[in-house]
C-alpha atoms as a PDB file:
ATOM      1  CA  UNK A   1     108.854 123.770  54.481  1.00  0.00           C
ATOM      2  CA  UNK A   2     105.865 126.112  53.365  1.00  0.00           C
ATOM      3  CA  UNK A   3     103.388 127.679  55.590  1.00  0.00           C
ATOM      4  CA  UNK A   4     100.677 124.864  54.946  1.00  0.00           C
ATOM      5  CA  UNK A   5     102.241 122.167  55.482  1.00  0.00           C
ATOM      6  CA  UNK A   6     103.864 123.595  58.602  1.00  0.00           C
ATOM      7  CA  UNK A   7     100.451 124.361  59.776  1.00  0.00           C
ATOM      8  CA  UNK A   8      99.080 120.925  58.948  1.00  0.00           C
ATOM      9  CA  UNK A   9     101.930 119.595  61.219  1.00  0.00           C
ATOM     10  CA  UNK A  10     101.574 121.447  63.907  1.00  0.00           C
ATOM     11  CA  UNK A  11      97.826 120.542  64.221  1.00  0.00           C
ATOM     12  CA  UNK A  12      99.022 117.142  64.438  1.00  0.00           C
ATOM     13  CA  UNK A  13     100.928 117.427  66.944  1.00  0.00           C
ATOM     14  CA  UNK A  14      98.650 119.097  69.022  1.00  0.00           C
ATOM     15  CA  UNK A  15      95.896 116.870  68.404  1.00  0.00           C
ATOM     16  CA  UNK A  16      98.237 113.874  69.552  1.00  0.00           C
ATOM     17  CA  UNK A  17      99.464 115.926  72.191  1.00  0.00           C
ATOM     18  CA  UNK A  18      96.367 116.558  73.578  1.00  0.00           C
ATOM     19  CA  UNK A  19      94.855 112.871  73.096  1.00  0.00           C
ATOM     20  CA  UNK A  20      97.783 111.958  74.858  1.00  0.00           C
ATOM     21  CA  UNK A  21      97.099 114.606  77.871  1.00  0.00           C
ATOM     22  CA  UNK A  22      93.451 113.077  78.268  1.00  0.00           C
ATOM     23  CA  UNK A  23      94.557 109.569  78.244  1.00  0.00           C
ATOM     24  CA  UNK A  24      96.531 109.809  81.066  1.00  0.00           C
ATOM     25  CA  UNK A  25      94.428 112.315  82.753  1.00  0.00           C
ATOM     26  CA  UNK A  26      92.018 109.486  82.703  1.00  0.00           C
ATOM     27  CA  UNK A  27      94.397 106.771  83.856  1.00  0.00           C
ATOM     28  CA  UNK A  28      95.666 109.039  86.282  1.00  0.00           C
ATOM     29  CA  UNK A  29      92.311 109.382  87.635  1.00  0.00           C
ATOM     30  CA  UNK A  30      91.434 105.824  87.643  1.00  0.00           C
ATOM     31  CA  UNK A  31      94.441 104.929  89.270  1.00  0.00           C
ATOM     32  CA  UNK A  32      93.716 107.284  92.347  1.00  0.00           C
ATOM     33  CA  UNK A  33      90.316 105.502  92.535  1.00  0.00           C
ATOM     34  CA  UNK A  34      91.925 102.117  92.711  1.00  0.00           C
ATOM     35  CA  UNK A  35      94.491 103.205  95.007  1.00  0.00           C
ATOM     36  CA  UNK A  36      91.886 104.462  97.344  1.00  0.00           C
ATOM     37  CA  UNK A  37      89.769 101.541  97.289  1.00  0.00           C
ATOM     38  CA  UNK A  38      92.692  99.015  97.428  1.00  0.00           C
ATOM     39  CA  UNK A  39      93.874 100.905 100.681  1.00  0.00           C
ATOM     40  CA  UNK A  40      90.029 100.731 101.990  1.00  0.00           C
ATOM     41  CA  UNK A  41      89.934  97.002 101.519  1.00  0.00           C
ATOM     42  CA  UNK A  42      93.195  96.420 102.707  1.00  0.00           C
ATOM     43  CA  UNK A  43      92.535  97.854 106.105  1.00  0.00           C
ATOM     44  CA  UNK A  44      88.746  95.901 106.401  1.00  0.00           C
ATOM     45  CA  UNK A  45      90.824  92.707 105.587  1.00  0.00           C
ATOM     46  CA  UNK A  46      93.747  93.345 108.871  1.00  0.00           C
ATOM     47  CA  UNK A  47      90.383  94.176 110.780  1.00  0.00           C
ATOM     48  CA  UNK A  48      88.863  90.796 109.611  1.00  0.00           C
ATOM     49  CA  UNK A  49      91.747  89.001 111.356  1.00  0.00           C
ATOM     50  CA  UNK A  50      90.897  90.136 115.042  1.00  0.00           C
ATOM     51  CA  UNK A  51      87.165  89.973 114.537  1.00  0.00           C
ATOM     52  CA  UNK A  52      84.786  87.312 116.340  1.00  0.00           C
ATOM     53  CA  UNK A  53      83.041  84.834 113.946  1.00  0.00           C
ATOM     54  CA  UNK A  54      79.839  86.506 114.273  1.00  0.00           C
ATOM     55  CA  UNK A  55      80.960  89.880 112.921  1.00  0.00           C
ATOM     56  CA  UNK A  56      82.957  88.479 110.051  1.00  0.00           C
ATOM     57  CA  UNK A  57      80.088  87.465 107.912  1.00  0.00           C
ATOM     58  CA  UNK A  58      79.164  91.208 107.650  1.00  0.00           C
ATOM     59  CA  UNK A  59      82.997  92.252 107.172  1.00  0.00           C
ATOM     60  CA  UNK A  60      83.375  89.781 104.189  1.00  0.00           C
ATOM     61  CA  UNK A  61      80.205  90.922 102.550  1.00  0.00           C
ATOM     62  CA  UNK A  62      81.692  94.899 103.217  1.00  0.00           C
ATOM     63  CA  UNK A  63      84.832  93.701 101.341  1.00  0.00           C
ATOM     64  CA  UNK A  64      82.858  92.200  98.428  1.00  0.00           C
ATOM     65  CA  UNK A  65      81.137  94.957  97.908  1.00  0.00           C
ATOM     66  CA  UNK A  66      84.504  96.948  97.716  1.00  0.00           C
ATOM     67  CA  UNK A  67      86.141  94.577  95.770  1.00  0.00           C
ATOM     68  CA  UNK A  68      83.385  94.288  93.313  1.00  0.00           C
ATOM     69  CA  UNK A  69      84.193  98.269  92.969  1.00  0.00           C
ATOM     70  CA  UNK A  70      87.604  97.920  92.631  1.00  0.00           C
ATOM     71  CA  UNK A  71      87.199  95.393  89.652  1.00  0.00           C
ATOM     72  CA  UNK A  72      84.606  97.400  87.654  1.00  0.00           C
ATOM     73  CA  UNK A  73      87.369 100.738  87.992  1.00  0.00           C
ATOM     74  CA  UNK A  74      90.337  98.507  87.025  1.00  0.00           C
ATOM     75  CA  UNK A  75      88.293  96.591  84.165  1.00  0.00           C
ATOM     76  CA  UNK A  76      87.459 100.405  82.909  1.00  0.00           C
ATOM     77  CA  UNK A  77      91.056 101.673  83.057  1.00  0.00           C
ATOM     78  CA  UNK A  78      92.447  98.534  81.558  1.00  0.00           C
ATOM     79  CA  UNK A  79      89.496  98.921  78.788  1.00  0.00           C
ATOM     80  CA  UNK A  80      90.963 102.244  78.060  1.00  0.00           C
ATOM     81  CA  UNK A  81      94.762 101.333  77.954  1.00  0.00           C
ATOM     82  CA  UNK A  82      94.047  98.682  75.319  1.00  0.00           C
ATOM     83  CA  UNK A  83      91.741 101.116  73.238  1.00  0.00           C
ATOM     84  CA  UNK A  84      94.668 103.739  73.369  1.00  0.00           C
ATOM     85  CA  UNK A  85      97.209 100.698  72.365  1.00  0.00           C
ATOM     86  CA  UNK A  86      95.066  99.975  69.355  1.00  0.00           C
ATOM     87  CA  UNK A  87      95.191 103.513  68.265  1.00  0.00           C
ATOM     88  CA  UNK A  88      98.851 103.899  68.627  1.00  0.00           C
ATOM     89  CA  UNK A  89      99.583 100.767  66.305  1.00  0.00           C
ATOM     90  CA  UNK A  90      97.201 102.102  63.835  1.00  0.00           C
ATOM     91  CA  UNK A  91      99.235 105.567  64.198  1.00  0.00           C
ATOM     92  CA  UNK A  92     102.494 103.640  63.767  1.00  0.00           C
ATOM     93  CA  UNK A  93     101.271 101.730  60.688  1.00  0.00           C
ATOM     94  CA  UNK A  94     100.139 104.678  59.199  1.00  0.00           C
ATOM     95  CA  UNK A  95     103.506 106.866  59.780  1.00  0.00           C
ATOM     96  CA  UNK A  96     105.513 103.675  58.659  1.00  0.00           C
ATOM     97  CA  UNK A  97     103.376 103.887  55.005  1.00  0.00           C
ATOM     98  CA  UNK A  98     103.766 107.510  55.031  1.00  0.00           C
ATOM     99  CA  UNK A  99     107.943 107.540  55.414  1.00  0.00           C
ATOM    100  CA  UNK A 100     108.094 105.379  52.194  1.00  0.00           C
ATOM    101  CA  UNK A 101     106.685 107.866  50.278  1.00  0.00           C
ATOM    102  CA  UNK A 102     107.621 110.912  52.026  1.00  0.00           C
ATOM    103  CA  UNK A 103     110.329 113.437  50.504  1.00  0.00           C
ATOM    104  CA  UNK A 104     113.688 113.794  52.558  1.00  0.00           C
ATOM    105  CA  UNK A 105     112.151 117.318  54.260  1.00  0.00           C
ATOM    106  CA  UNK A 106     109.078 115.444  55.416  1.00  0.00           C
ATOM    107  CA  UNK A 107     110.967 112.327  56.589  1.00  0.00           C
ATOM    108  CA  UNK A 108     112.056 114.983  59.435  1.00  0.00           C
ATOM    109  CA  UNK A 109     108.995 115.539  60.630  1.00  0.00           C
ATOM    110  CA  UNK A 110     107.591 111.916  60.119  1.00  0.00           C
ATOM    111  CA  UNK A 111     110.300 110.424  61.677  1.00  0.00           C
ATOM    112  CA  UNK A 112     109.892 112.657  64.873  1.00  0.00           C
ATOM    113  CA  UNK A 113     106.277 111.783  65.559  1.00  0.00           C
ATOM    114  CA  UNK A 114     106.922 108.137  64.570  1.00  0.00           C
ATOM    115  CA  UNK A 115     109.453 108.032  67.509  1.00  0.00           C
ATOM    116  CA  UNK A 116     106.887 110.035  69.929  1.00  0.00           C
ATOM    117  CA  UNK A 117     104.063 107.567  69.167  1.00  0.00           C
ATOM    118  CA  UNK A 118     106.649 104.762  69.715  1.00  0.00           C
ATOM    119  CA  UNK A 119     107.829 106.200  73.336  1.00  0.00           C
ATOM    120  CA  UNK A 120     103.905 106.545  73.827  1.00  0.00           C
ATOM    121  CA  UNK A 121     103.018 103.206  73.100  1.00  0.00           C
ATOM    122  CA  UNK A 122     105.852 101.605  74.872  1.00  0.00           C
ATOM    123  CA  UNK A 123     104.496 103.748  78.001  1.00  0.00           C
ATOM    124  CA  UNK A 124     100.634 102.535  77.086  1.00  0.00           C
ATOM    125  CA  UNK A 125     102.315  98.988  77.503  1.00  0.00           C
ATOM    126  CA  UNK A 126     103.980  99.641  80.820  1.00  0.00           C
ATOM    127  CA  UNK A 127     100.794 101.108  82.217  1.00  0.00           C
ATOM    128  CA  UNK A 128      98.897  98.313  81.377  1.00  0.00           C
ATOM    129  CA  UNK A 129     101.409  95.476  82.748  1.00  0.00           C
ATOM    130  CA  UNK A 130     101.321  97.479  85.731  1.00  0.00           C
ATOM    131  CA  UNK A 131      97.913  97.073  86.297  1.00  0.00           C
ATOM    132  CA  UNK A 132      97.396  93.424  85.249  1.00  0.00           C
ATOM    133  CA  UNK A 133     100.497  92.908  87.899  1.00  0.00           C
ATOM    134  CA  UNK A 134      98.204  95.076  90.839  1.00  0.00           C
ATOM    135  CA  UNK A 135      94.706  92.973  89.341  1.00  0.00           C
ATOM    136  CA  UNK A 136      97.203  89.535  90.145  1.00  0.00           C
ATOM    137  CA  UNK A 137      98.253  91.141  93.289  1.00  0.00           C
ATOM    138  CA  UNK A 138      94.913  91.594  94.502  1.00  0.00           C
ATOM    139  CA  UNK A 139      93.461  88.212  93.363  1.00  0.00           C
ATOM    140  CA  UNK A 140      96.483  87.212  95.817  1.00  0.00           C
ATOM    141  CA  UNK A 141      95.114  88.922  98.426  1.00  0.00           C
ATOM    142  CA  UNK A 142      91.833  86.927  97.983  1.00  0.00           C
ATOM    143  CA  UNK A 143      93.570  83.868  97.811  1.00  0.00           C
ATOM    144  CA  UNK A 144      94.997  84.377 101.300  1.00  0.00           C
ATOM    145  CA  UNK A 145      91.670  85.345 102.531  1.00  0.00           C
ATOM    146  CA  UNK A 146      90.080  82.321 101.555  1.00  0.00           C
ATOM    147  CA  UNK A 147      93.030  80.102 102.977  1.00  0.00           C
ATOM    148  CA  UNK A 148      92.133  81.945 106.294  1.00  0.00           C
ATOM    149  CA  UNK A 149      88.615  81.185 106.507  1.00  0.00           C
ATOM    150  CA  UNK A 150      89.315  77.472 105.328  1.00  0.00           C
ATOM    151  CA  UNK A 151      91.780  77.276 108.209  1.00  0.00           C
ATOM    152  CA  UNK A 152      88.225  77.812 110.535  1.00  0.00           C
ATOM    153  CA  UNK A 153      86.588  74.823 109.895  1.00  0.00           C
ATOM    154  CA  UNK A 154      86.956  71.315 111.050  1.00  0.00           C
ATOM    155  CA  UNK A 155      89.886  69.096 110.428  1.00  0.00           C
ATOM    156  CA  UNK A 156      87.614  67.082 108.254  1.00  0.00           C
ATOM    157  CA  UNK A 157      86.575  70.128 106.422  1.00  0.00           C
ATOM    158  CA  UNK A 158      89.608  71.557 106.017  1.00  0.00           C
ATOM    159  CA  UNK A 159      91.479  68.296 104.335  1.00  0.00           C
ATOM    160  CA  UNK A 160      88.836  68.248 101.792  1.00  0.00           C
ATOM    161  CA  UNK A 161      89.170  72.043 100.876  1.00  0.00           C
ATOM    162  CA  UNK A 162      93.334  71.794 100.952  1.00  0.00           C
ATOM    163  CA  UNK A 163      93.243  70.545  97.154  1.00  0.00           C
ATOM    164  CA  UNK A 164      90.923  73.805  96.483  1.00  0.00           C
ATOM    165  CA  UNK A 165      93.578  75.770  97.862  1.00  0.00           C
ATOM    166  CA  UNK A 166      96.546  73.743  96.545  1.00  0.00           C
ATOM    167  CA  UNK A 167      94.627  74.906  93.204  1.00  0.00           C
ATOM    168  CA  UNK A 168      94.315  78.500  93.573  1.00  0.00           C
ATOM    169  CA  UNK A 169      98.092  78.820  94.311  1.00  0.00           C
ATOM    170  CA  UNK A 170      98.995  76.699  91.021  1.00  0.00           C
ATOM    171  CA  UNK A 171      96.763  78.808  88.953  1.00  0.00           C
ATOM    172  CA  UNK A 172      97.913  82.114  90.542  1.00  0.00           C
ATOM    173  CA  UNK A 173     101.683  81.016  89.888  1.00  0.00           C
ATOM    174  CA  UNK A 174     100.797  79.947  86.421  1.00  0.00           C
ATOM    175  CA  UNK A 175      99.264  83.708  86.100  1.00  0.00           C
ATOM    176  CA  UNK A 176     102.231  85.406  87.551  1.00  0.00           C
ATOM    177  CA  UNK A 177     104.762  83.427  84.773  1.00  0.00           C
ATOM    178  CA  UNK A 178     102.839  84.749  81.898  1.00  0.00           C
ATOM    179  CA  UNK A 179     102.543  88.221  83.581  1.00  0.00           C
ATOM    180  CA  UNK A 180     106.436  88.021  83.709  1.00  0.00           C
ATOM    181  CA  UNK A 181     106.542  86.788  80.051  1.00  0.00           C
ATOM    182  CA  UNK A 182     104.448  89.603  78.948  1.00  0.00           C
ATOM    183  CA  UNK A 183     106.387  92.284  80.586  1.00  0.00           C
ATOM    184  CA  UNK A 184     109.648  90.942  78.494  1.00  0.00           C
ATOM    185  CA  UNK A 185     107.846  90.540  75.118  1.00  0.00           C
ATOM    186  CA  UNK A 186     108.441  92.593  72.347  1.00  0.00           C
ATOM    187  CA  UNK A 187     105.698  94.400  70.291  1.00  0.00           C
ATOM    188  CA  UNK A 188     104.910  91.494  67.908  1.00  0.00           C
ATOM    189  CA  UNK A 189     104.018  89.146  70.962  1.00  0.00           C
ATOM    190  CA  UNK A 190     102.374  91.606  72.995  1.00  0.00           C
ATOM    191  CA  UNK A 191      98.751  91.301  71.962  1.00  0.00           C
ATOM    192  CA  UNK A 192      98.418  87.502  71.881  1.00  0.00           C
ATOM    193  CA  UNK A 193     100.401  87.088  75.174  1.00  0.00           C
ATOM    194  CA  UNK A 194      98.294  89.804  76.756  1.00  0.00           C
ATOM    195  CA  UNK A 195      95.207  87.417  75.831  1.00  0.00           C
ATOM    196  CA  UNK A 196      96.844  84.679  77.844  1.00  0.00           C
ATOM    197  CA  UNK A 197      97.462  86.511  80.946  1.00  0.00           C
ATOM    198  CA  UNK A 198      94.000  87.500  80.681  1.00  0.00           C
ATOM    199  CA  UNK A 199      92.977  84.122  80.164  1.00  0.00           C
ATOM    200  CA  UNK A 200      95.311  83.055  83.278  1.00  0.00           C
ATOM    201  CA  UNK A 201      94.020  85.533  85.723  1.00  0.00           C
ATOM    202  CA  UNK A 202      90.314  84.568  84.822  1.00  0.00           C
ATOM    203  CA  UNK A 203      91.414  81.348  85.816  1.00  0.00           C
ATOM    204  CA  UNK A 204      92.425  82.530  88.951  1.00  0.00           C
ATOM    205  CA  UNK A 205      89.130  84.384  89.743  1.00  0.00           C
ATOM    206  CA  UNK A 206      87.101  81.391  88.705  1.00  0.00           C
ATOM    207  CA  UNK A 207      88.838  78.942  90.989  1.00  0.00           C
ATOM    208  CA  UNK A 208      88.679  81.657  93.983  1.00  0.00           C
ATOM    209  CA  UNK A 209      85.132  81.936  93.417  1.00  0.00           C
ATOM    210  CA  UNK A 210      84.191  78.045  93.778  1.00  0.00           C
ATOM    211  CA  UNK A 211      86.767  77.718  96.442  1.00  0.00           C
ATOM    212  CA  UNK A 212      84.751  80.635  98.401  1.00  0.00           C
ATOM    213  CA  UNK A 213      81.786  78.304  97.884  1.00  0.00           C
ATOM    214  CA  UNK A 214      82.869  75.097  99.152  1.00  0.00           C
ATOM    215  CA  UNK A 215      84.491  76.868 102.152  1.00  0.00           C
ATOM    216  CA  UNK A 216      81.233  78.371 102.789  1.00  0.00           C
ATOM    217  CA  UNK A 217      79.501  75.189 102.166  1.00  0.00           C
ATOM    218  CA  UNK A 218      81.786  73.222 104.655  1.00  0.00           C
ATOM    219  CA  UNK A 219      81.098  72.702 108.235  1.00  0.00           C
END
Protein backbone atom coordinates (compact mmCIF):
# COMPACT_ATOMS: atom_id res chain seq x y z
CA UNK A 1 0.00 0.00 0.00
CA UNK A 2 1.44 3.38 -0.98
CA UNK A 3 2.12 6.07 1.62
CA UNK A 4 -0.82 8.28 0.54
CA UNK A 5 -3.59 5.63 0.94
CA UNK A 6 -1.95 4.47 4.16
CA UNK A 7 -1.93 8.03 5.51
CA UNK A 8 -5.61 8.41 4.64
CA UNK A 9 -6.40 5.07 6.32
CA UNK A 10 -4.51 6.17 9.43
CA UNK A 11 -6.42 9.46 9.55
CA UNK A 12 -9.81 7.75 9.18
CA UNK A 13 -8.87 5.31 11.95
CA UNK A 14 -7.67 8.13 14.20
CA UNK A 15 -10.87 10.12 13.61
CA UNK A 16 -12.99 7.08 14.42
CA UNK A 17 -11.07 6.42 17.63
CA UNK A 18 -11.34 10.10 18.62
CA UNK A 19 -15.11 10.10 18.07
CA UNK A 20 -15.38 6.83 19.97
CA UNK A 21 -13.45 8.24 22.95
CA UNK A 22 -15.46 11.48 22.99
CA UNK A 23 -18.71 9.51 22.97
CA UNK A 24 -17.64 7.17 25.75
CA UNK A 25 -16.26 10.01 27.88
CA UNK A 26 -19.55 11.93 27.56
CA UNK A 27 -21.74 8.91 28.35
CA UNK A 28 -19.52 7.92 31.29
CA UNK A 29 -19.81 11.44 32.73
CA UNK A 30 -23.60 11.41 32.31
CA UNK A 31 -23.82 7.96 33.91
CA UNK A 32 -21.87 9.24 36.91
CA UNK A 33 -24.37 12.08 37.32
CA UNK A 34 -27.29 9.66 36.95
CA UNK A 35 -25.85 7.28 39.54
CA UNK A 36 -25.29 10.12 42.02
CA UNK A 37 -28.79 11.54 41.50
CA UNK A 38 -30.38 8.09 41.84
CA UNK A 39 -28.50 7.42 45.08
CA UNK A 40 -29.68 10.75 46.52
CA UNK A 41 -33.29 10.09 45.50
CA UNK A 42 -33.29 6.58 46.95
CA UNK A 43 -31.85 7.85 50.22
CA UNK A 44 -34.57 10.48 50.53
CA UNK A 45 -37.25 7.93 49.59
CA UNK A 46 -36.05 5.74 52.45
CA UNK A 47 -36.31 8.69 54.84
CA UNK A 48 -39.83 9.42 53.56
CA UNK A 49 -41.10 6.10 54.92
CA UNK A 50 -40.37 7.15 58.51
CA UNK A 51 -41.49 10.78 58.35
CA UNK A 52 -44.58 12.27 59.92
CA UNK A 53 -47.33 13.47 57.60
CA UNK A 54 -46.48 17.16 58.05
CA UNK A 55 -42.90 16.63 56.86
CA UNK A 56 -43.73 14.37 53.92
CA UNK A 57 -45.01 17.09 51.58
CA UNK A 58 -41.70 18.96 51.72
CA UNK A 59 -39.73 15.74 51.19
CA UNK A 60 -41.90 14.71 48.23
CA UNK A 61 -41.36 18.15 46.66
CA UNK A 62 -37.60 17.63 47.03
CA UNK A 63 -37.83 14.19 45.43
CA UNK A 64 -39.82 15.69 42.54
CA UNK A 65 -37.12 18.30 42.01
CA UNK A 66 -34.36 15.68 41.97
CA UNK A 67 -36.27 13.34 39.66
CA UNK A 68 -36.82 16.15 37.14
CA UNK A 69 -33.07 16.68 37.06
CA UNK A 70 -32.49 12.93 36.76
CA UNK A 71 -34.95 12.68 33.85
CA UNK A 72 -33.23 15.57 32.05
CA UNK A 73 -29.76 14.02 32.38
CA UNK A 74 -31.02 10.63 31.26
CA UNK A 75 -32.83 12.15 28.25
CA UNK A 76 -29.63 13.93 27.23
CA UNK A 77 -27.69 10.67 27.57
CA UNK A 78 -30.23 8.73 25.51
CA UNK A 79 -30.29 11.41 22.81
CA UNK A 80 -26.51 11.24 22.58
CA UNK A 81 -26.54 7.44 22.25
CA UNK A 82 -29.29 7.57 19.62
CA UNK A 83 -27.29 10.12 17.61
CA UNK A 84 -24.22 7.91 17.86
CA UNK A 85 -26.20 4.91 16.63
CA UNK A 86 -27.36 6.87 13.58
CA UNK A 87 -23.78 7.92 12.81
CA UNK A 88 -22.55 4.34 13.10
CA UNK A 89 -25.42 2.97 11.01
CA UNK A 90 -24.60 5.47 8.25
CA UNK A 91 -20.93 4.49 8.47
CA UNK A 92 -21.80 0.79 8.15
CA UNK A 93 -23.78 1.54 4.98
CA UNK A 94 -20.93 3.62 3.58
CA UNK A 95 -18.35 0.92 4.29
CA UNK A 96 -20.55 -1.79 2.78
CA UNK A 97 -20.82 0.29 -0.40
CA UNK A 98 -17.07 0.88 -0.38
CA UNK A 99 -16.43 -2.83 0.08
CA UNK A 100 -18.24 -3.65 -3.18
CA UNK A 101 -15.72 -1.62 -5.21
CA UNK A 102 -12.59 -2.25 -3.15
CA UNK A 103 -9.54 -4.04 -4.50
CA UNK A 104 -8.29 -7.16 -2.75
CA UNK A 105 -5.72 -5.05 -0.90
CA UNK A 106 -8.28 -2.42 0.09
CA UNK A 107 -10.80 -5.02 1.30
CA UNK A 108 -8.57 -6.01 4.22
CA UNK A 109 -8.60 -2.45 5.58
CA UNK A 110 -12.29 -1.85 4.86
CA UNK A 111 -13.35 -5.13 6.46
CA UNK A 112 -11.27 -4.34 9.55
CA UNK A 113 -12.90 -0.92 9.84
CA UNK A 114 -16.35 -2.45 9.27
CA UNK A 115 -15.74 -4.93 12.08
CA UNK A 116 -14.72 -2.13 14.44
CA UNK A 117 -17.81 -0.06 13.55
CA UNK A 118 -20.11 -3.06 14.05
CA UNK A 119 -18.58 -3.67 17.48
CA UNK A 120 -19.05 -0.02 18.43
CA UNK A 121 -22.64 -0.10 17.15
CA UNK A 122 -23.40 -3.17 19.27
CA UNK A 123 -21.84 -1.49 22.31
CA UNK A 124 -23.97 1.63 21.76
CA UNK A 125 -27.09 -0.53 21.46
CA UNK A 126 -26.28 -2.19 24.77
CA UNK A 127 -25.71 1.20 26.36
CA UNK A 128 -29.08 2.44 25.14
CA UNK A 129 -30.99 -0.61 26.38
CA UNK A 130 -29.18 -0.31 29.73
CA UNK A 131 -30.27 3.29 30.22
CA UNK A 132 -33.84 2.41 29.21
CA UNK A 133 -33.78 -0.43 31.73
CA UNK A 134 -32.56 1.97 34.44
CA UNK A 135 -35.25 4.49 33.49
CA UNK A 136 -37.97 1.87 33.77
CA UNK A 137 -36.62 0.78 37.17
CA UNK A 138 -36.87 4.39 38.32
CA UNK A 139 -40.51 4.55 37.19
CA UNK A 140 -41.15 1.33 39.15
CA UNK A 141 -39.85 3.13 42.24
CA UNK A 142 -42.23 6.02 41.53
CA UNK A 143 -45.12 3.57 41.20
CA UNK A 144 -44.21 2.11 44.59
CA UNK A 145 -44.16 5.61 46.12
CA UNK A 146 -47.60 6.33 44.63
CA UNK A 147 -48.92 3.05 46.05
CA UNK A 148 -47.57 3.94 49.50
CA UNK A 149 -49.21 7.37 49.31
CA UNK A 150 -52.53 5.76 48.34
CA UNK A 151 -52.29 3.38 51.32
CA UNK A 152 -52.43 6.37 53.69
CA UNK A 153 -55.82 7.49 52.38
CA UNK A 154 -59.23 6.52 53.74
CA UNK A 155 -60.71 3.11 52.89
CA UNK A 156 -63.14 4.67 50.41
CA UNK A 157 -60.37 6.64 48.72
CA UNK A 158 -58.07 3.60 48.52
CA UNK A 159 -60.80 1.59 46.85
CA UNK A 160 -61.30 4.31 44.22
CA UNK A 161 -57.56 4.64 43.60
CA UNK A 162 -56.87 0.90 43.43
CA UNK A 163 -57.86 0.73 39.76
CA UNK A 164 -55.28 3.42 38.98
CA UNK A 165 -52.55 1.49 40.82
CA UNK A 166 -53.51 -1.74 39.02
CA UNK A 167 -53.33 0.11 35.69
CA UNK A 168 -49.88 1.46 36.62
CA UNK A 169 -48.55 -2.03 37.23
CA UNK A 170 -50.07 -3.31 33.97
CA UNK A 171 -48.42 -0.52 31.99
CA UNK A 172 -45.12 -1.15 33.74
CA UNK A 173 -45.27 -4.87 32.92
CA UNK A 174 -46.07 -4.07 29.27
CA UNK A 175 -43.07 -1.72 29.05
CA UNK A 176 -40.84 -4.30 30.68
CA UNK A 177 -41.86 -6.95 28.12
CA UNK A 178 -41.13 -4.56 25.25
CA UNK A 179 -37.74 -3.75 26.74
CA UNK A 180 -36.91 -7.45 27.07
CA UNK A 181 -37.82 -7.95 23.40
CA UNK A 182 -35.64 -4.96 22.44
CA UNK A 183 -32.65 -6.53 24.17
CA UNK A 184 -33.10 -9.62 21.98
CA UNK A 185 -33.78 -7.70 18.74
CA UNK A 186 -31.52 -7.82 15.70
CA UNK A 187 -30.21 -4.64 14.08
CA UNK A 188 -32.98 -4.54 11.46
CA UNK A 189 -35.76 -4.56 14.07
CA UNK A 190 -34.01 -2.43 16.67
CA UNK A 191 -35.23 1.03 15.61
CA UNK A 192 -38.91 0.11 15.42
CA UNK A 193 -38.82 -1.82 18.70
CA UNK A 194 -36.93 1.04 20.35
CA UNK A 195 -39.77 3.41 19.46
CA UNK A 196 -42.19 0.90 20.96
CA UNK A 197 -40.28 0.89 24.25
CA UNK A 198 -40.23 4.69 24.35
CA UNK A 199 -43.99 4.80 23.79
CA UNK A 200 -44.55 2.21 26.55
CA UNK A 201 -42.40 4.16 29.01
CA UNK A 202 -44.32 7.33 28.12
CA UNK A 203 -47.54 5.46 28.94
CA UNK A 204 -46.10 4.59 32.35
CA UNK A 205 -45.03 8.19 32.95
CA UNK A 206 -48.46 9.58 32.05
CA UNK A 207 -50.24 7.00 34.20
CA UNK A 208 -48.02 7.81 37.20
CA UNK A 209 -48.72 11.52 36.83
CA UNK A 210 -52.49 10.94 36.66
CA UNK A 211 -52.42 8.54 39.61
CA UNK A 212 -50.45 10.98 41.74
CA UNK A 213 -52.93 13.75 40.96
CA UNK A 214 -55.86 11.50 41.92
CA UNK A 215 -54.12 10.37 45.13
CA UNK A 216 -53.38 13.96 46.09
CA UNK A 217 -56.99 14.98 45.49
CA UNK A 218 -58.42 11.99 47.42
CA UNK A 219 -59.50 12.44 51.02
